[in-house]
C-alpha atoms as a PDB file:
ATOM      1  CA  LYS A   1     -19.643   8.195 -12.870  1.00  0.00           C
ATOM      2  CA  GLY A   2     -20.152   9.999 -16.950  1.00  0.00           C
ATOM      3  CA  GLY A   3     -17.494  11.923 -15.077  1.00  0.00           C
ATOM      4  CA  LYS A   4     -14.782   9.397 -14.767  1.00  0.00           C
ATOM      5  CA  VAL A   5     -15.524   8.450 -18.346  1.00  0.00           C
ATOM      6  CA  TRP A   6     -14.480  11.636 -19.042  1.00  0.00           C
ATOM      7  CA  GLU A   7     -10.921  11.930 -17.377  1.00  0.00           C
ATOM      8  CA  THR A   8     -10.124   8.961 -18.784  1.00  0.00           C
ATOM      9  CA  SER A   9     -10.521   9.856 -22.336  1.00  0.00           C
ATOM     10  CA  ILE A  10      -8.809  13.233 -21.398  1.00  0.00           C
ATOM     11  CA  LYS A  11      -5.934  11.234 -19.993  1.00  0.00           C
ATOM     12  CA  LEU A  12      -6.251   9.222 -23.695  1.00  0.00           C
ATOM     13  CA  GLU A  13      -5.584  12.951 -25.585  1.00  0.00           C
ATOM     14  CA  LYS A  14      -3.075  14.944 -23.250  1.00  0.00           C
ATOM     15  CA  ASP A  15      -0.645  11.401 -24.654  1.00  0.00           C
ATOM     16  CA  SER A  16      -1.548  12.214 -27.797  1.00  0.00           C
ATOM     17  CA  GLY A  17      -0.111  16.393 -27.041  1.00  0.00           C
ATOM     18  CA  ASN A  18      -3.048  17.714 -28.651  1.00  0.00           C
ATOM     19  CA  GLU A  19      -3.841  20.056 -26.463  1.00  0.00           C
ATOM     20  CA  GLN A  20      -6.774  21.378 -28.038  1.00  0.00           C
ATOM     21  CA  ASN A  21      -8.680  18.736 -28.424  1.00  0.00           C
ATOM     22  CA  VAL A  22      -8.009  17.813 -24.046  1.00  0.00           C
ATOM     23  CA  GLN A  23      -9.237  21.531 -23.629  1.00  0.00           C
ATOM     24  CA  ASN A  24     -12.365  20.776 -25.577  1.00  0.00           C
ATOM     25  CA  LEU A  25     -13.260  17.202 -24.474  1.00  0.00           C
ATOM     26  CA  CYS A  26     -12.484  19.484 -20.884  1.00  0.00           C
ATOM     27  CA  GLN A  27     -15.315  22.075 -21.991  1.00  0.00           C
ATOM     28  CA  LYS A  28     -18.180  18.993 -23.723  1.00  0.00           C
ATOM     29  CA  GLY A  29     -17.181  16.796 -20.175  1.00  0.00           C
ATOM     30  CA  ILE A  30     -17.919  19.716 -17.860  1.00  0.00           C
ATOM     31  CA  LYS A  31     -21.209  20.792 -19.921  1.00  0.00           C
ATOM     32  CA  LEU A  32     -22.523  17.315 -19.281  1.00  0.00           C
ATOM     33  CA  CYS A  33     -21.114  16.600 -15.881  1.00  0.00           C
ATOM     34  CA  PRO A  34     -20.542  19.453 -14.275  1.00  0.00           C
ATOM     35  CA  ASP A  35     -19.661  18.278 -11.563  1.00  0.00           C
ATOM     36  CA  THR A  36     -16.934  16.574 -12.028  1.00  0.00           C
ATOM     37  CA  PRO A  37     -14.124  18.512 -10.012  1.00  0.00           C
ATOM     38  CA  GLU A  38     -11.233  16.760 -12.022  1.00  0.00           C
ATOM     39  CA  LEU A  39     -12.369  18.490 -15.007  1.00  0.00           C
ATOM     40  CA  TYR A  40     -12.326  21.958 -13.946  1.00  0.00           C
ATOM     41  CA  LEU A  41      -8.689  21.226 -12.214  1.00  0.00           C
ATOM     42  CA  ILE A  42      -7.352  19.400 -15.776  1.00  0.00           C
ATOM     43  CA  LEU A  43      -8.774  22.692 -17.312  1.00  0.00           C
ATOM     44  CA  SER A  44      -7.784  25.388 -15.676  1.00  0.00           C
ATOM     45  CA  LYS A  45      -4.130  24.115 -15.584  1.00  0.00           C
ATOM     46  CA  LEU A  46      -4.517  24.150 -19.339  1.00  0.00           C
ATOM     47  CA  GLU A  47      -5.808  27.777 -19.496  1.00  0.00           C
ATOM     48  CA  SER A  48      -2.731  29.084 -16.801  1.00  0.00           C
ATOM     49  CA  LYS A  49      -0.435  28.182 -19.653  1.00  0.00           C
ATOM     50  CA  LYS A  50      -2.345  31.221 -21.950  1.00  0.00           C
ATOM     51  CA  SER A  51      -4.153  33.184 -18.795  1.00  0.00           C
ATOM     52  CA  ILE A  52      -3.933  33.355 -15.584  1.00  0.00           C
ATOM     53  CA  ALA A  53      -7.749  34.893 -15.170  1.00  0.00           C
ATOM     54  CA  LYS A  54      -8.969  32.450 -17.200  1.00  0.00           C
ATOM     55  CA  ALA A  55      -7.434  30.021 -15.139  1.00  0.00           C
ATOM     56  CA  ARG A  56      -8.768  31.345 -12.051  1.00  0.00           C
ATOM     57  CA  SER A  57     -12.828  31.866 -13.755  1.00  0.00           C
ATOM     58  CA  LYS A  58     -12.368  27.768 -14.163  1.00  0.00           C
ATOM     59  CA  LEU A  59     -11.780  26.699 -10.847  1.00  0.00           C
ATOM     60  CA  GLU A  60     -14.203  29.915  -9.823  1.00  0.00           C
ATOM     61  CA  SER A  61     -16.663  28.060 -11.295  1.00  0.00           C
ATOM     62  CA  GLY A  62     -15.299  24.861 -10.109  1.00  0.00           C
ATOM     63  CA  ARG A  63     -16.221  26.180  -6.661  1.00  0.00           C
ATOM     64  CA  ILE A  64     -19.460  26.721  -7.397  1.00  0.00           C
ATOM     65  CA  LYS A  65     -20.367  23.852  -9.608  1.00  0.00           C
ATOM     66  CA  CYS A  66     -18.700  21.384  -6.403  1.00  0.00           C
ATOM     67  CA  PRO A  67     -18.162  23.287  -3.461  1.00  0.00           C
ATOM     68  CA  SER A  68     -17.336  20.013  -1.148  1.00  0.00           C
ATOM     69  CA  SER A  69     -14.036  19.268  -3.443  1.00  0.00           C
ATOM     70  CA  ASP A  70     -10.951  20.700  -1.386  1.00  0.00           C
ATOM     71  CA  LYS A  71      -9.046  19.282  -4.424  1.00  0.00           C
ATOM     72  CA  LEU A  72     -10.430  22.876  -6.119  1.00  0.00           C
ATOM     73  CA  TRP A  73     -10.347  24.736  -2.835  1.00  0.00           C
ATOM     74  CA  LEU A  74      -6.291  23.729  -3.126  1.00  0.00           C
ATOM     75  CA  ALA A  75      -5.556  24.788  -7.046  1.00  0.00           C
ATOM     76  CA  ALA A  76      -7.221  27.630  -6.644  1.00  0.00           C
ATOM     77  CA  ILE A  77      -5.520  28.715  -3.173  1.00  0.00           C
ATOM     78  CA  ASN A  78      -1.688  27.471  -5.154  1.00  0.00           C
ATOM     79  CA  LEU A  79      -2.567  29.871  -8.050  1.00  0.00           C
ATOM     80  CA  GLU A  80      -3.026  32.970  -5.697  1.00  0.00           C
ATOM     81  CA  ARG A  81       0.131  31.662  -3.609  1.00  0.00           C
ATOM     82  CA  LYS A  82       2.299  31.358  -7.094  1.00  0.00           C
ATOM     83  CA  MET A  83       1.001  34.862  -8.154  1.00  0.00           C
ATOM     84  CA  HIS A  84       2.068  35.693  -5.341  1.00  0.00           C
ATOM     85  CA  ASN A  85      -1.355  37.190  -4.100  1.00  0.00           C
ATOM     86  CA  ASP A  86      -0.572  35.590  -0.524  1.00  0.00           C
ATOM     87  CA  ASN A  87      -3.574  38.415   0.780  1.00  0.00           C
ATOM     88  CA  LEU A  88      -6.402  35.960  -1.066  1.00  0.00           C
ATOM     89  CA  ALA A  89      -4.377  32.488  -0.714  1.00  0.00           C
ATOM     90  CA  LYS A  90      -5.340  33.417   3.085  1.00  0.00           C
ATOM     91  CA  ASN A  91      -8.768  34.503   2.358  1.00  0.00           C
ATOM     92  CA  LEU A  92      -9.423  32.215   0.494  1.00  0.00           C
ATOM     93  CA  MET A  93      -7.954  29.078   3.069  1.00  0.00           C
ATOM     94  CA  ALA A  94      -9.776  30.221   4.965  1.00  0.00           C
ATOM     95  CA  LYS A  95     -13.541  29.594   2.653  1.00  0.00           C
ATOM     96  CA  ALA A  96     -12.253  26.662   1.644  1.00  0.00           C
ATOM     97  CA  LEU A  97     -11.549  25.315   5.817  1.00  0.00           C
ATOM     98  CA  GLN A  98     -15.492  27.064   6.059  1.00  0.00           C
ATOM     99  CA  ALA A  99     -16.717  25.009   3.082  1.00  0.00           C
ATOM    100  CA  CYS A 100     -14.655  22.181   4.438  1.00  0.00           C
ATOM    101  CA  PRO A 101     -14.230  22.034   7.558  1.00  0.00           C
ATOM    102  CA  THR A 102     -13.496  17.924   7.585  1.00  0.00           C
ATOM    103  CA  SER A 103     -10.553  18.574   4.894  1.00  0.00           C
ATOM    104  CA  GLY A 104      -6.907  17.085   5.925  1.00  0.00           C
ATOM    105  CA  MET A 105      -5.720  17.971   2.656  1.00  0.00           C
ATOM    106  CA  LEU A 106      -6.067  21.322   3.019  1.00  0.00           C
ATOM    107  CA  TYR A 107      -5.799  21.719   7.008  1.00  0.00           C
ATOM    108  CA  ALA A 108      -1.931  19.895   5.760  1.00  0.00           C
ATOM    109  CA  ASP A 109      -1.584  22.566   3.620  1.00  0.00           C
ATOM    110  CA  GLU A 110      -2.308  25.362   6.516  1.00  0.00           C
ATOM    111  CA  ILE A 111      -0.414  23.649   8.908  1.00  0.00           C
ATOM    112  CA  ILE A 112       2.798  23.517   6.663  1.00  0.00           C
ATOM    113  CA  ASN A 113       2.301  27.363   5.239  1.00  0.00           C
ATOM    114  CA  ALA A 114       1.032  29.064   8.309  1.00  0.00           C
ATOM    115  CA  PRO A 115       3.939  30.996   9.812  1.00  0.00           C
ATOM    116  CA  LYS A 116       6.075  28.921  12.282  1.00  0.00           C
ATOM    117  CA  VAL A 117       4.752  30.263  15.599  1.00  0.00           C
ATOM    118  CA  ARG A 118       1.648  29.334  14.029  1.00  0.00           C
ATOM    119  CA  ARG A 119       1.898  25.777  13.533  1.00  0.00           C
ATOM    120  CA  LYS A 120       1.179  24.198  16.721  1.00  0.00           C
ATOM    121  CA  ALA A 121      -1.844  25.716  16.644  1.00  0.00           C
ATOM    122  CA  VAL A 122      -2.735  25.599  13.072  1.00  0.00           C
ATOM    123  CA  ALA A 123      -2.289  21.778  13.529  1.00  0.00           C
ATOM    124  CA  PHE A 124      -3.860  21.767  16.795  1.00  0.00           C
ATOM    125  CA  GLU A 125      -7.587  23.168  14.928  1.00  0.00           C
ATOM    126  CA  ALA A 126      -6.427  20.069  11.698  1.00  0.00           C
ATOM    127  CA  LEU A 127      -5.666  17.380  13.916  1.00  0.00           C
ATOM    128  CA  LYS A 128      -9.723  18.198  16.665  1.00  0.00           C
ATOM    129  CA  ARG A 129     -11.025  18.079  13.241  1.00  0.00           C
ATOM    130  CA  CYS A 130      -9.159  15.075  11.032  1.00  0.00           C
ATOM    131  CA  ASP A 131      -7.620  13.267  13.975  1.00  0.00           C
ATOM    132  CA  LYS A 132      -6.920  10.168  11.828  1.00  0.00           C
ATOM    133  CA  ASP A 133      -5.959  11.932   8.508  1.00  0.00           C
ATOM    134  CA  VAL A 134      -2.887  10.722   7.165  1.00  0.00           C
ATOM    135  CA  TYR A 135      -2.589  14.126   5.165  1.00  0.00           C
ATOM    136  CA  VAL A 136      -2.847  16.199   8.924  1.00  0.00           C
ATOM    137  CA  MET A 137      -0.532  13.556  10.358  1.00  0.00           C
ATOM    138  CA  THR A 138       2.211  14.368   7.464  1.00  0.00           C
ATOM    139  CA  ALA A 139       2.453  17.916   8.768  1.00  0.00           C
ATOM    140  CA  VAL A 140       2.676  17.482  11.946  1.00  0.00           C
ATOM    141  CA  ALA A 141       5.467  15.270  11.286  1.00  0.00           C
ATOM    142  CA  LYS A 142       6.650  17.732   9.157  1.00  0.00           C
ATOM    143  CA  MET A 143       6.210  21.019  11.306  1.00  0.00           C
ATOM    144  CA  PHE A 144       8.275  18.464  13.581  1.00  0.00           C
ATOM    145  CA  PHE A 145      11.025  17.427  11.514  1.00  0.00           C
ATOM    146  CA  ASP A 146      11.418  21.037  10.665  1.00  0.00           C
ATOM    147  CA  ASN A 147      11.779  22.281  14.266  1.00  0.00           C
ATOM    148  CA  LEU A 148      14.554  19.105  14.919  1.00  0.00           C
ATOM    149  CA  MET A 149      12.225  17.122  16.794  1.00  0.00           C
ATOM    150  CA  TYR A 150      13.355  13.877  14.492  1.00  0.00           C
ATOM    151  CA  ASN A 151      11.787  11.648  17.474  1.00  0.00           C
ATOM    152  CA  LYS A 152       8.776  13.245  17.374  1.00  0.00           C
ATOM    153  CA  ALA A 153       8.626  13.569  13.594  1.00  0.00           C
ATOM    154  CA  ARG A 154       9.353   9.277  13.625  1.00  0.00           C
ATOM    155  CA  LYS A 155       6.707   8.836  15.636  1.00  0.00           C
ATOM    156  CA  TRP A 156       3.578  10.808  13.568  1.00  0.00           C
ATOM    157  CA  LEU A 157       5.122   9.276  10.186  1.00  0.00           C
ATOM    158  CA  ASP A 158       4.441   5.505  12.024  1.00  0.00           C
ATOM    159  CA  ARG A 159       1.039   6.485  13.248  1.00  0.00           C
ATOM    160  CA  VAL A 160       0.968   7.214   9.202  1.00  0.00           C
ATOM    161  CA  VAL A 161       2.006   4.243   8.725  1.00  0.00           C
ATOM    162  CA  ALA A 162      -0.024   2.384  10.819  1.00  0.00           C
ATOM    163  CA  ILE A 163      -2.953   4.076   9.873  1.00  0.00           C
ATOM    164  CA  ASP A 164      -2.655   3.973   6.146  1.00  0.00           C
ATOM    165  CA  PRO A 165       0.735   1.546   5.147  1.00  0.00           C
ATOM    166  CA  SER A 166       0.868   2.650   1.209  1.00  0.00           C
ATOM    167  CA  SER A 167       0.570   6.384   2.038  1.00  0.00           C
ATOM    168  CA  ILE A 168       4.712   6.554   2.216  1.00  0.00           C
ATOM    169  CA  ILE A 169       4.713   4.399  -0.308  1.00  0.00           C
ATOM    170  CA  ASN A 170       2.325   6.392  -2.442  1.00  0.00           C
ATOM    171  CA  GLY A 171       4.014  10.047  -1.469  1.00  0.00           C
ATOM    172  CA  ILE A 172       0.059  10.331   0.036  1.00  0.00           C
ATOM    173  CA  ASP A 173      -1.245  11.267  -2.747  1.00  0.00           C
ATOM    174  CA  SER A 174      -0.981  14.783  -4.199  1.00  0.00           C
ATOM    175  CA  GLY A 175       0.470  15.764  -0.505  1.00  0.00           C
ATOM    176  CA  SER A 176       3.860  14.137  -1.546  1.00  0.00           C
ATOM    177  CA  PHE A 177       4.969  18.097  -1.331  1.00  0.00           C
ATOM    178  CA  LEU A 178       4.615  17.487   2.261  1.00  0.00           C
ATOM    179  CA  LEU A 179       7.740  15.809   3.315  1.00  0.00           C
ATOM    180  CA  PRO A 180      11.851  15.660   1.693  1.00  0.00           C
ATOM    181  CA  LYS A 181      12.126  13.278  -0.509  1.00  0.00           C
ATOM    182  CA  ASP A 182      14.545  11.447   1.596  1.00  0.00           C
ATOM    183  CA  LEU A 183      12.870  12.102   4.942  1.00  0.00           C
ATOM    184  CA  ASP A 184      13.267   8.313   5.677  1.00  0.00           C
ATOM    185  CA  LYS A 185      16.872   8.412   4.653  1.00  0.00           C
ATOM    186  CA  GLN A 186      17.012  12.027   6.830  1.00  0.00           C
ATOM    187  CA  LEU A 187      15.957  10.799  10.019  1.00  0.00           C
ATOM    188  CA  LYS A 188      18.088   6.717   9.581  1.00  0.00           C
ATOM    189  CA  ASP A 189      21.188   9.400   9.843  1.00  0.00           C
ATOM    190  CA  LYS A 190      20.417  10.341  12.819  1.00  0.00           C
ATOM    191  CA  ASN A 191      19.673   7.134  14.478  1.00  0.00           C
ATOM    192  CA  VAL A 192      16.227   7.640  14.953  1.00  0.00           C
END
């Protein structure tokens, strides 16, 4: 509960535009609530503007304190991809999937970023582990859409909507990166 209070305070401070105060609040919040992944994410994002090494360090600290936080793992993986450390990103993903074996968010990212020849196998494994996860199902829909299999993509999106009608409207939380913004229009244009 204490972590939520820190998050709210940090968001209010962010709105004022004072990054130094935001950074100080994050550090204080982490000392008092070390098991709040969002604090590490915010601090890492701030640090990445100055030093990637410091950002990486904050994410590592967060993963040590919160080893089952898929958001921290995914942030670390994305940081390494951004720095073109693809092998390190792959290793981190393997460790992340061991630490969070039922994380739909991680499996969805793995499906989207797998080489095209491996996507089906990764999707199959993801569906075995998280069969009713909207992130995974949306990633499968995107996989079919990318392969020009529009009817299958539509069926998977319909399944997502059946499980969580608000997920498509809300961009599936932070996973909106999975689908093109105009996917629904593209599918309608193709009469799917």
